[in-house]
């Protein structure tokens, strides 16, 4: 991770963006010795599984365990040829 002053980034914004894009390294913007922001390279493209993995890591343990259980049940149903039906769906927003 590299640190740069806000002034230096502003003066060389295009070059800084090129550096972030090519090197894949984060740049932390600093003003008055205080970290203000980060320039982080965008991922080159994520599969649904990668995105799900990122989401999964942000959940608390109980929620993650419950979600993993639902995914496992769904996979088991599909493995045995039983696909979900419209009638089997429930309204996630209903209390």
PDB file of N, CA and C in Angstrom:
ATOM      1  N   UNK A   1       0.858  -1.159   0.000  1.00  0.00           N
ATOM      2  CA  UNK A   1       0.000   0.000   0.000  1.00  0.00           C
ATOM      3  C   UNK A   1       0.909   1.229   0.000  1.00  0.00           C
ATOM      4  N   UNK A   2       0.578   2.162  -0.848  1.00  0.00           N
ATOM      5  CA  UNK A   2       1.360   3.371  -1.013  1.00  0.00           C
ATOM      6  C   UNK A   2       0.564   4.561  -0.494  1.00  0.00           C
ATOM      7  N   UNK A   3       1.246   5.526   0.116  1.00  0.00           N
ATOM      8  CA  UNK A   3       0.583   6.741   0.572  1.00  0.00           C
ATOM      9  C   UNK A   3       1.020   7.913  -0.301  1.00  0.00           C
ATOM     10  N   UNK A   4       0.063   8.768  -0.642  1.00  0.00           N
ATOM     11  CA  UNK A   4       0.348   9.967  -1.425  1.00  0.00           C
ATOM     12  C   UNK A   4      -0.466  11.121  -0.857  1.00  0.00           C
ATOM     13  N   UNK A   5       0.096  12.312  -0.960  1.00  0.00           N
ATOM     14  CA  UNK A   5      -0.653  13.477  -0.503  1.00  0.00           C
ATOM     15  C   UNK A   5      -1.798  13.752  -1.471  1.00  0.00           C
ATOM     16  N   UNK A   6      -2.836  14.351  -0.957  1.00  0.00           N
ATOM     17  CA  UNK A   6      -3.988  14.709  -1.774  1.00  0.00           C
ATOM     18  C   UNK A   6      -3.545  15.652  -2.893  1.00  0.00           C
ATOM     19  N   UNK A   7      -2.635  16.566  -2.586  1.00  0.00           N
ATOM     20  CA  UNK A   7      -2.142  17.512  -3.585  1.00  0.00           C
ATOM     21  C   UNK A   7      -1.426  16.787  -4.718  1.00  0.00           C
ATOM     22  N   UNK A   8      -0.561  15.820  -4.376  1.00  0.00           N
ATOM     23  CA  UNK A   8       0.169  15.075  -5.404  1.00  0.00           C
ATOM     24  C   UNK A   8      -0.784  14.271  -6.283  1.00  0.00           C
ATOM     25  N   UNK A   9      -1.798  13.698  -5.668  1.00  0.00           N
ATOM     26  CA  UNK A   9      -2.777  12.923  -6.438  1.00  0.00           C
ATOM     27  C   UNK A   9      -3.550  13.852  -7.369  1.00  0.00           C
ATOM     28  N   UNK A  10      -3.954  15.010  -6.870  1.00  0.00           N
ATOM     29  CA  UNK A  10      -4.715  15.957  -7.693  1.00  0.00           C
ATOM     30  C   UNK A  10      -3.898  16.429  -8.894  1.00  0.00           C
ATOM     31  N   UNK A  11      -2.624  16.659  -8.687  1.00  0.00           N
ATOM     32  CA  UNK A  11      -1.767  17.143  -9.776  1.00  0.00           C
ATOM     33  C   UNK A  11      -1.475  16.077 -10.820  1.00  0.00           C
ATOM     34  N   UNK A  12      -1.522  14.837 -10.410  1.00  0.00           N
ATOM     35  CA  UNK A  12      -1.160  13.729 -11.312  1.00  0.00           C
ATOM     36  C   UNK A  12      -2.257  12.672 -11.363  1.00  0.00           C
ATOM     37  N   UNK A  13      -3.506  13.116 -11.349  1.00  0.00           N
ATOM     38  CA  UNK A  13      -4.622  12.188 -11.184  1.00  0.00           C
ATOM     39  C   UNK A  13      -4.637  11.077 -12.233  1.00  0.00           C
ATOM     40  N   UNK A  14      -4.471  11.422 -13.479  1.00  0.00           N
ATOM     41  CA  UNK A  14      -4.505  10.413 -14.543  1.00  0.00           C
ATOM     42  C   UNK A  14      -3.396   9.379 -14.365  1.00  0.00           C
ATOM     43  N   UNK A  15      -2.195   9.850 -14.057  1.00  0.00           N
ATOM     44  CA  UNK A  15      -1.070   8.932 -13.861  1.00  0.00           C
ATOM     45  C   UNK A  15      -1.296   8.050 -12.635  1.00  0.00           C
ATOM     46  N   UNK A  16      -1.872   8.613 -11.585  1.00  0.00           N
ATOM     47  CA  UNK A  16      -2.150   7.842 -10.370  1.00  0.00           C
ATOM     48  C   UNK A  16      -3.178   6.750 -10.670  1.00  0.00           C
ATOM     49  N   UNK A  17      -4.214   7.098 -11.415  1.00  0.00           N
ATOM     50  CA  UNK A  17      -5.218   6.086 -11.781  1.00  0.00           C
ATOM     51  C   UNK A  17      -4.597   4.981 -12.630  1.00  0.00           C
ATOM     52  N   UNK A  18      -3.723   5.370 -13.556  1.00  0.00           N
ATOM     53  CA  UNK A  18      -3.024   4.360 -14.366  1.00  0.00           C
ATOM     54  C   UNK A  18      -2.205   3.429 -13.480  1.00  0.00           C
ATOM     55  N   UNK A  19      -1.530   4.002 -12.503  1.00  0.00           N
ATOM     56  CA  UNK A  19      -0.714   3.193 -11.589  1.00  0.00           C
ATOM     57  C   UNK A  19      -1.573   2.218 -10.795  1.00  0.00           C
ATOM     58  N   UNK A  20      -2.682   2.692 -10.281  1.00  0.00           N
ATOM     59  CA  UNK A  20      -3.586   1.813  -9.523  1.00  0.00           C
ATOM     60  C   UNK A  20      -4.103   0.700 -10.427  1.00  0.00           C
ATOM     61  N   UNK A  21      -4.481   1.069 -11.651  1.00  0.00           N
ATOM     62  CA  UNK A  21      -5.028   0.078 -12.577  1.00  0.00           C
ATOM     63  C   UNK A  21      -4.009  -0.956 -13.019  1.00  0.00           C
ATOM     64  N   UNK A  22      -2.782  -0.531 -13.244  1.00  0.00           N
ATOM     65  CA  UNK A  22      -1.758  -1.457 -13.750  1.00  0.00           C
ATOM     66  C   UNK A  22      -1.092  -2.270 -12.649  1.00  0.00           C
ATOM     67  N   UNK A  23      -0.795  -1.627 -11.521  1.00  0.00           N
ATOM     68  CA  UNK A  23      -0.082  -2.339 -10.456  1.00  0.00           C
ATOM     69  C   UNK A  23      -1.022  -3.118  -9.552  1.00  0.00           C
ATOM     70  N   UNK A  24      -2.279  -2.666  -9.480  1.00  0.00           N
ATOM     71  CA  UNK A  24      -3.240  -3.320  -8.600  1.00  0.00           C
ATOM     72  C   UNK A  24      -3.028  -2.968  -7.137  1.00  0.00           C
ATOM     73  N   UNK A  25      -2.194  -1.966  -6.878  1.00  0.00           N
ATOM     74  CA  UNK A  25      -1.884  -1.571  -5.510  1.00  0.00           C
ATOM     75  C   UNK A  25      -2.800  -0.437  -5.051  1.00  0.00           C
ATOM     76  N   UNK A  26      -3.197  -0.486  -3.794  1.00  0.00           N
ATOM     77  CA  UNK A  26      -3.993   0.588  -3.205  1.00  0.00           C
ATOM     78  C   UNK A  26      -3.122   1.813  -2.984  1.00  0.00           C
ATOM     79  N   UNK A  27      -3.729   2.972  -3.095  1.00  0.00           N
ATOM     80  CA  UNK A  27      -3.049   4.212  -2.742  1.00  0.00           C
ATOM     81  C   UNK A  27      -3.908   4.922  -1.709  1.00  0.00           C
ATOM     82  N   UNK A  28      -3.281   5.254  -0.581  1.00  0.00           N
ATOM     83  CA  UNK A  28      -3.972   5.964   0.493  1.00  0.00           C
ATOM     84  C   UNK A  28      -3.697   7.452   0.318  1.00  0.00           C
ATOM     85  N   UNK A  29      -4.764   8.245   0.301  1.00  0.00           N
ATOM     86  CA  UNK A  29      -4.633   9.696   0.164  1.00  0.00           C
ATOM     87  C   UNK A  29      -4.507  10.318   1.548  1.00  0.00           C
ATOM     88  N   UNK A  30      -3.489  11.168   1.709  1.00  0.00           N
ATOM     89  CA  UNK A  30      -3.162  11.748   3.002  1.00  0.00           C
ATOM     90  C   UNK A  30      -3.195  13.273   2.908  1.00  0.00           C
ATOM     91  N   UNK A  31      -3.805  13.907   3.899  1.00  0.00           N
ATOM     92  CA  UNK A  31      -3.794  15.362   4.021  1.00  0.00           C
ATOM     93  C   UNK A  31      -3.451  15.699   5.469  1.00  0.00           C
ATOM     94  N   UNK A  32      -2.431  16.519   5.651  1.00  0.00           N
ATOM     95  CA  UNK A  32      -1.982  16.911   7.000  1.00  0.00           C
ATOM     96  C   UNK A  32      -1.708  15.695   7.891  1.00  0.00           C
ATOM     97  N   UNK A  33      -1.001  14.735   7.331  1.00  0.00           N
ATOM     98  CA  UNK A  33      -0.622  13.483   8.016  1.00  0.00           C
ATOM     99  C   UNK A  33      -1.815  12.643   8.461  1.00  0.00           C
ATOM    100  N   UNK A  34      -2.975  12.909   7.898  1.00  0.00           N
ATOM    101  CA  UNK A  34      -4.192  12.159   8.245  1.00  0.00           C
ATOM    102  C   UNK A  34      -4.688  11.414   7.014  1.00  0.00           C
ATOM    103  N   UNK A  35      -4.917  10.143   7.157  1.00  0.00           N
ATOM    104  CA  UNK A  35      -5.426   9.326   6.044  1.00  0.00           C
ATOM    105  C   UNK A  35      -6.883   9.689   5.798  1.00  0.00           C
ATOM    106  N   UNK A  36      -7.182  10.025   4.541  1.00  0.00           N
ATOM    107  CA  UNK A  36      -8.548  10.457   4.212  1.00  0.00           C
ATOM    108  C   UNK A  36      -9.321   9.447   3.380  1.00  0.00           C
ATOM    109  N   UNK A  37      -8.642   8.840   2.425  1.00  0.00           N
ATOM    110  CA  UNK A  37      -9.359   7.968   1.490  1.00  0.00           C
ATOM    111  C   UNK A  37      -8.388   6.971   0.878  1.00  0.00           C
ATOM    112  N   UNK A  38      -8.954   5.995   0.171  1.00  0.00           N
ATOM    113  CA  UNK A  38      -8.152   4.996  -0.536  1.00  0.00           C
ATOM    114  C   UNK A  38      -8.606   4.913  -1.984  1.00  0.00           C
ATOM    115  N   UNK A  39      -7.650   4.781  -2.860  1.00  0.00           N
ATOM    116  CA  UNK A  39      -7.947   4.425  -4.245  1.00  0.00           C
ATOM    117  C   UNK A  39      -7.642   2.940  -4.354  1.00  0.00           C
ATOM    118  N   UNK A  40      -8.659   2.180  -4.644  1.00  0.00           N
ATOM    119  CA  UNK A  40      -8.533   0.727  -4.673  1.00  0.00           C
ATOM    120  C   UNK A  40      -8.863   0.245  -6.081  1.00  0.00           C
ATOM    121  N   UNK A  41      -8.022  -0.619  -6.660  1.00  0.00           N
ATOM    122  CA  UNK A  41      -8.316  -1.102  -8.010  1.00  0.00           C
ATOM    123  C   UNK A  41      -9.602  -1.925  -8.032  1.00  0.00           C
ATOM    124  N   UNK A  42     -10.361  -1.761  -9.079  1.00  0.00           N
ATOM    125  CA  UNK A  42     -11.577  -2.540  -9.274  1.00  0.00           C
ATOM    126  C   UNK A  42     -11.178  -3.954  -9.659  1.00  0.00           C
ATOM    127  N   UNK A  43     -11.912  -4.920  -9.165  1.00  0.00           N
ATOM    128  CA  UNK A  43     -11.607  -6.296  -9.537  1.00  0.00           C
ATOM    129  C   UNK A  43     -11.856  -6.480 -11.022  1.00  0.00           C
ATOM    130  N   UNK A  44     -11.111  -7.389 -11.614  1.00  0.00           N
ATOM    131  CA  UNK A  44     -11.207  -7.595 -13.053  1.00  0.00           C
ATOM    132  C   UNK A  44     -12.506  -8.263 -13.465  1.00  0.00           C
ATOM    133  N   UNK A  45     -13.252  -8.680 -12.532  1.00  0.00           N
ATOM    134  CA  UNK A  45     -14.524  -9.361 -12.805  1.00  0.00           C
ATOM    135  C   UNK A  45     -14.657 -10.493 -11.818  1.00  0.00           C
ATOM    136  N   UNK A  46     -15.772 -10.601 -11.211  1.00  0.00           N
ATOM    137  CA  UNK A  46     -15.962 -11.623 -10.194  1.00  0.00           C
ATOM    138  C   UNK A  46     -17.062 -12.573 -10.611  1.00  0.00           C
ATOM    139  N   UNK A  47     -16.857 -13.806 -10.280  1.00  0.00           N
ATOM    140  CA  UNK A  47     -17.915 -14.774 -10.506  1.00  0.00           C
ATOM    141  C   UNK A  47     -18.930 -14.624  -9.381  1.00  0.00           C
ATOM    142  N   UNK A  48     -20.077 -15.206  -9.572  1.00  0.00           N
ATOM    143  CA  UNK A  48     -21.117 -15.149  -8.535  1.00  0.00           C
ATOM    144  C   UNK A  48     -20.614 -15.789  -7.249  1.00  0.00           C
ATOM    145  N   UNK A  49     -19.821 -16.832  -7.376  1.00  0.00           N
ATOM    146  CA  UNK A  49     -19.296 -17.516  -6.199  1.00  0.00           C
ATOM    147  C   UNK A  49     -18.341 -16.610  -5.417  1.00  0.00           C
ATOM    148  N   UNK A  50     -17.503 -15.839  -6.124  1.00  0.00           N
ATOM    149  CA  UNK A  50     -16.590 -14.913  -5.456  1.00  0.00           C
ATOM    150  C   UNK A  50     -17.362 -13.807  -4.733  1.00  0.00           C
ATOM    151  N   UNK A  51     -18.378 -13.287  -5.398  1.00  0.00           N
ATOM    152  CA  UNK A  51     -19.191 -12.243  -4.774  1.00  0.00           C
ATOM    153  C   UNK A  51     -19.893 -12.794  -3.544  1.00  0.00           C
ATOM    154  N   UNK A  52     -20.437 -13.999  -3.658  1.00  0.00           N
ATOM    155  CA  UNK A  52     -21.100 -14.639  -2.527  1.00  0.00           C
ATOM    156  C   UNK A  52     -20.112 -14.847  -1.386  1.00  0.00           C
ATOM    157  N   UNK A  53     -18.883 -15.244  -1.725  1.00  0.00           N
ATOM    158  CA  UNK A  53     -17.850 -15.434  -0.702  1.00  0.00           C
ATOM    159  C   UNK A  53     -17.533 -14.145   0.021  1.00  0.00           C
ATOM    160  N   UNK A  54     -17.472 -13.037  -0.714  1.00  0.00           N
ATOM    161  CA  UNK A  54     -17.228 -11.738  -0.092  1.00  0.00           C
ATOM    162  C   UNK A  54     -18.374 -11.371   0.838  1.00  0.00           C
ATOM    163  N   UNK A  55     -19.597 -11.600   0.400  1.00  0.00           N
ATOM    164  CA  UNK A  55     -20.765 -11.323   1.227  1.00  0.00           C
ATOM    165  C   UNK A  55     -20.743 -12.190   2.480  1.00  0.00           C
ATOM    166  N   UNK A  56     -20.432 -13.463   2.298  1.00  0.00           N
ATOM    167  CA  UNK A  56     -20.452 -14.426   3.399  1.00  0.00           C
ATOM    168  C   UNK A  56     -19.508 -13.983   4.511  1.00  0.00           C
ATOM    169  N   UNK A  57     -18.338 -13.423   4.154  1.00  0.00           N
ATOM    170  CA  UNK A  57     -17.365 -12.997   5.156  1.00  0.00           C
ATOM    171  C   UNK A  57     -17.827 -11.785   5.955  1.00  0.00           C
ATOM    172  N   UNK A  58     -18.846 -11.075   5.477  1.00  0.00           N
ATOM    173  CA  UNK A  58     -19.321  -9.902   6.205  1.00  0.00           C
ATOM    174  C   UNK A  58     -20.446 -10.235   7.187  1.00  0.00           C
ATOM    175  N   UNK A  59     -20.934 -11.453   7.149  1.00  0.00           N
ATOM    176  CA  UNK A  59     -22.054 -11.841   8.011  1.00  0.00           C
ATOM    177  C   UNK A  59     -21.568 -12.284   9.382  1.00  0.00           C
ATOM    178  N   UNK A  60     -22.421 -12.108  10.385  1.00  0.00           N
ATOM    179  CA  UNK A  60     -22.088 -12.646  11.699  1.00  0.00           C
ATOM    180  C   UNK A  60     -22.224 -14.169  11.640  1.00  0.00           C
ATOM    181  N   UNK A  61     -21.668 -14.861  12.637  1.00  0.00           N
ATOM    182  CA  UNK A  61     -21.603 -16.326  12.608  1.00  0.00           C
ATOM    183  C   UNK A  61     -22.967 -16.991  12.503  1.00  0.00           C
ATOM    184  N   UNK A  62     -23.940 -16.511  13.251  1.00  0.00           N
ATOM    185  CA  UNK A  62     -25.265 -17.140  13.240  1.00  0.00           C
ATOM    186  C   UNK A  62     -25.928 -17.004  11.868  1.00  0.00           C
ATOM    187  N   UNK A  63     -25.856 -15.828  11.287  1.00  0.00           N
ATOM    188  CA  UNK A  63     -26.460 -15.602   9.975  1.00  0.00           C
ATOM    189  C   UNK A  63     -25.740 -16.411   8.908  1.00  0.00           C
ATOM    190  N   UNK A  64     -24.405 -16.442   8.979  1.00  0.00           N
ATOM    191  CA  UNK A  64     -23.622 -17.208   8.002  1.00  0.00           C
ATOM    192  C   UNK A  64     -23.954 -18.699   8.079  1.00  0.00           C
ATOM    193  N   UNK A  65     -24.095 -19.213   9.290  1.00  0.00           N
ATOM    194  CA  UNK A  65     -24.434 -20.627   9.465  1.00  0.00           C
ATOM    195  C   UNK A  65     -25.818 -20.928   8.908  1.00  0.00           C
ATOM    196  N   UNK A  66     -26.782 -20.046   9.175  1.00  0.00           N
ATOM    197  CA  UNK A  66     -28.141 -20.239   8.660  1.00  0.00           C
ATOM    198  C   UNK A  66     -28.162 -20.195   7.136  1.00  0.00           C
ATOM    199  N   UNK A  67     -27.453 -19.239   6.559  1.00  0.00           N
ATOM    200  CA  UNK A  67     -27.393 -19.112   5.104  1.00  0.00           C
ATOM    201  C   UNK A  67     -26.744 -20.342   4.477  1.00  0.00           C
ATOM    202  N   UNK A  68     -25.650 -20.802   5.070  1.00  0.00           N
ATOM    203  CA  UNK A  68     -24.977 -22.002   4.556  1.00  0.00           C
ATOM    204  C   UNK A  68     -25.903 -23.212   4.615  1.00  0.00           C
ATOM    205  N   UNK A  69     -26.706 -23.304   5.670  1.00  0.00           N
ATOM    206  CA  UNK A  69     -27.666 -24.397   5.783  1.00  0.00           C
ATOM    207  C   UNK A  69     -28.713 -24.368   4.681  1.00  0.00           C
ATOM    208  N   UNK A  70     -29.226 -23.175   4.377  1.00  0.00           N
ATOM    209  CA  UNK A  70     -30.215 -23.043   3.306  1.00  0.00           C
ATOM    210  C   UNK A  70     -29.607 -23.404   1.943  1.00  0.00           C
ATOM    211  N   UNK A  71     -28.377 -22.981   1.716  1.00  0.00           N
ATOM    212  CA  UNK A  71     -27.709 -23.308   0.454  1.00  0.00           C
ATOM    213  C   UNK A  71     -27.512 -24.811   0.349  1.00  0.00           C
ATOM    214  N   UNK A  72     -27.090 -25.451   1.428  1.00  0.00           N
ATOM    215  CA  UNK A  72     -26.882 -26.902   1.425  1.00  0.00           C
ATOM    216  C   UNK A  72     -28.185 -27.648   1.149  1.00  0.00           C
ATOM    217  N   UNK A  73     -29.310 -27.208   1.773  1.00  0.00           N
ATOM    218  CA  UNK A  73     -30.608 -27.846   1.512  1.00  0.00           C
ATOM    219  C   UNK A  73     -30.998 -27.723   0.045  1.00  0.00           C
ATOM    220  N   UNK A  74     -30.802 -26.524  -0.503  1.00  0.00           N
ATOM    221  CA  UNK A  74     -31.162 -26.273  -1.903  1.00  0.00           C
ATOM    222  C   UNK A  74     -30.350 -27.168  -2.843  1.00  0.00           C
ATOM    223  N   UNK A  75     -29.057 -27.274  -2.563  1.00  0.00           N
ATOM    224  CA  UNK A  75     -28.195 -28.129  -3.392  1.00  0.00           C
ATOM    225  C   UNK A  75     -28.617 -29.589  -3.293  1.00  0.00           C
ATOM    226  N   UNK A  76     -28.993 -30.024  -2.096  1.00  0.00           N
ATOM    227  CA  UNK A  76     -29.422 -31.410  -1.907  1.00  0.00           C
ATOM    228  C   UNK A  76     -30.701 -31.684  -2.692  1.00  0.00           C
ATOM    229  N   UNK A  77     -31.641 -30.728  -2.684  1.00  0.00           N
ATOM    230  CA  UNK A  77     -32.886 -30.891  -3.447  1.00  0.00           C
ATOM    231  C   UNK A  77     -32.605 -31.001  -4.933  1.00  0.00           C
ATOM    232  N   UNK A  78     -31.742 -30.114  -5.434  1.00  0.00           N
ATOM    233  CA  UNK A  78     -31.439 -30.113  -6.862  1.00  0.00           C
ATOM    234  C   UNK A  78     -30.678 -31.362  -7.265  1.00  0.00           C
ATOM    235  N   UNK A  79     -29.844 -31.870  -6.374  1.00  0.00           N
ATOM    236  CA  UNK A  79     -29.087 -33.085  -6.650  1.00  0.00           C
ATOM    237  C   UNK A  79     -30.022 -34.274  -6.841  1.00  0.00           C
ATOM    238  N   UNK A  80     -31.125 -34.264  -6.134  1.00  0.00           N
ATOM    239  CA  UNK A  80     -32.085 -35.361  -6.226  1.00  0.00           C
ATOM    240  C   UNK A  80     -33.199 -35.076  -7.232  1.00  0.00           C
ATOM    241  N   UNK A  81     -32.989 -34.068  -8.062  1.00  0.00           N
ATOM    242  CA  UNK A  81     -33.947 -33.792  -9.122  1.00  0.00           C
ATOM    243  C   UNK A  81     -35.164 -33.005  -8.719  1.00  0.00           C
ATOM    244  N   UNK A  82     -35.200 -32.514  -7.512  1.00  0.00           N
ATOM    245  CA  UNK A  82     -36.348 -31.747  -7.051  1.00  0.00           C
ATOM    246  C   UNK A  82     -36.015 -30.263  -7.093  1.00  0.00           C
ATOM    247  N   UNK A  83     -36.505 -29.613  -8.080  1.00  0.00           N
ATOM    248  CA  UNK A  83     -36.300 -28.175  -8.221  1.00  0.00           C
ATOM    249  C   UNK A  83     -37.346 -27.434  -7.405  1.00  0.00           C
ATOM    250  N   UNK A  84     -37.023 -26.211  -7.028  1.00  0.00           N
ATOM    251  CA  UNK A  84     -37.978 -25.390  -6.297  1.00  0.00           C
ATOM    252  C   UNK A  84     -39.157 -25.030  -7.190  1.00  0.00           C
ATOM    253  N   UNK A  85     -40.276 -24.772  -6.590  1.00  0.00           N
ATOM    254  CA  UNK A  85     -41.462 -24.371  -7.335  1.00  0.00           C
ATOM    255  C   UNK A  85     -41.859 -22.968  -6.920  1.00  0.00           C
ATOM    256  N   UNK A  86     -42.661 -22.334  -7.741  1.00  0.00           N
ATOM    257  CA  UNK A  86     -43.133 -20.999  -7.428  1.00  0.00           C
ATOM    258  C   UNK A  86     -43.937 -21.007  -6.128  1.00  0.00           C
ATOM    259  N   UNK A  87     -44.703 -22.050  -5.921  1.00  0.00           N
ATOM    260  CA  UNK A  87     -45.502 -22.157  -4.705  1.00  0.00           C
ATOM    261  C   UNK A  87     -44.611 -22.292  -3.464  1.00  0.00           C
ATOM    262  N   UNK A  88     -43.389 -22.802  -3.662  1.00  0.00           N
ATOM    263  CA  UNK A  88     -42.484 -23.000  -2.547  1.00  0.00           C
ATOM    264  C   UNK A  88     -41.758 -21.738  -2.119  1.00  0.00           C
ATOM    265  N   UNK A  89     -41.869 -20.709  -2.922  1.00  0.00           N
ATOM    266  CA  UNK A  89     -41.205 -19.459  -2.564  1.00  0.00           C
ATOM    267  C   UNK A  89     -42.011 -18.734  -1.505  1.00  0.00           C
ATOM    268  N   UNK A  90     -41.318 -18.032  -0.650  1.00  0.00           N
ATOM    269  CA  UNK A  90     -42.016 -17.237   0.336  1.00  0.00           C
ATOM    270  C   UNK A  90     -41.590 -15.789   0.184  1.00  0.00           C
ATOM    271  N   UNK A  91     -42.394 -14.895   0.643  1.00  0.00           N
ATOM    272  CA  UNK A  91     -42.084 -13.483   0.566  1.00  0.00           C
ATOM    273  C   UNK A  91     -41.056 -13.147   1.639  1.00  0.00           C
ATOM    274  N   UNK A  92     -39.838 -12.786   1.216  1.00  0.00           N
ATOM    275  CA  UNK A  92     -38.771 -12.494   2.165  1.00  0.00           C
ATOM    276  C   UNK A  92     -39.052 -11.252   2.993  1.00  0.00           C
ATOM    277  N   UNK A  93     -39.925 -10.371   2.477  1.00  0.00           N
ATOM    278  CA  UNK A  93     -40.229  -9.116   3.173  1.00  0.00           C
ATOM    279  C   UNK A  93     -41.375  -9.259   4.146  1.00  0.00           C
ATOM    280  N   UNK A  94     -42.078 -10.369   4.069  1.00  0.00           N
ATOM    281  CA  UNK A  94     -43.202 -10.582   4.983  1.00  0.00           C
ATOM    282  C   UNK A  94     -42.657 -10.939   6.355  1.00  0.00           C
ATOM    283  N   UNK A  95     -43.282 -10.466   7.395  1.00  0.00           N
ATOM    284  CA  UNK A  95     -42.817 -10.711   8.777  1.00  0.00           C
ATOM    285  C   UNK A  95     -43.047 -12.092   9.145  1.00  0.00           C
TER     286      UNK A  95
END
